[in-house]
Amino acid sequence: MNKLIGLLALICVLSAILHTCQAQQGYMVRALNLHNQYRRRHHAPALRMDNQLNSMAVNCANYYIRRGRNDHSCPFKGSAGENLSGGSGLRDKDQFAVTTTNMWYDEVKVYNYNRPGFSLQTGHFTQVVWKSSRNFGFGCAYGNGKTVCAGLYSPPGNYPGQFRENVLRP
C-alpha cells in the first residue's frame, strides 16, 4: 500500500512538472505557429521547433536583459540568425510572442520586391519568411522592468544576393 501511495505521489509530481514545462513552452509554440502562418503566405516551408535553439534563445534573452540593450551581441546564438524585440511593462510571454512576431512581419508593408535586399526597416520580416531557414527557436526573459524576446533561425537568412529566391511575394 505504501508503495502504491509513493508511486501515485511520484506520478502527481511528474505530472505537475510536465504541465509547468508545457506551459512555459506554450509561448514558443505560439511564436512558431505564427511564423509558419506567415511563411505559408510567402511559399516558404514550415519551420521546425528546435529545442537547442529554444534554449539558446532564452539564454540570449536573459543576456540582453542583463546587458541592458539589444545589440545582437549574444555569445550563445552560435551561427543562428537572430531577431530581437524588447519592451517594458509586459510580462505575459504568450502575448509578447504574438506581438513580437506580428511586429516583425509587419515590416512586409515596406519591403520592395522589385528591389530585393536587406534594409534595417525590413530585416526582421525577411528573416521570418526566409525560405532557406528550416529550424526555429524562441525565448523570452523578463527583468529590470523589461521583456526581451529572441527568435533564432537556422540556417540564418538575410544573405546578400539571395533575397530574390528566399523572400517570395505572397
Foldseek 3Di string as FASTA:
>chain_A
DVVVVVVVVVVVVVVVVVVVVCVQCVLFVLLQVLLQVVLVQQVAHRAAEDVLQQVLFQQQQVVCQVVVHDDVPRPSQPQWAKDKDKDFDDDPSNVVSVVRSVVLLVLVVVADLVDDADDPSNVSNLQSNFRPWHYKYKHWDDDPRMIMMMITTPPTDRDPPCRNVGGGHD
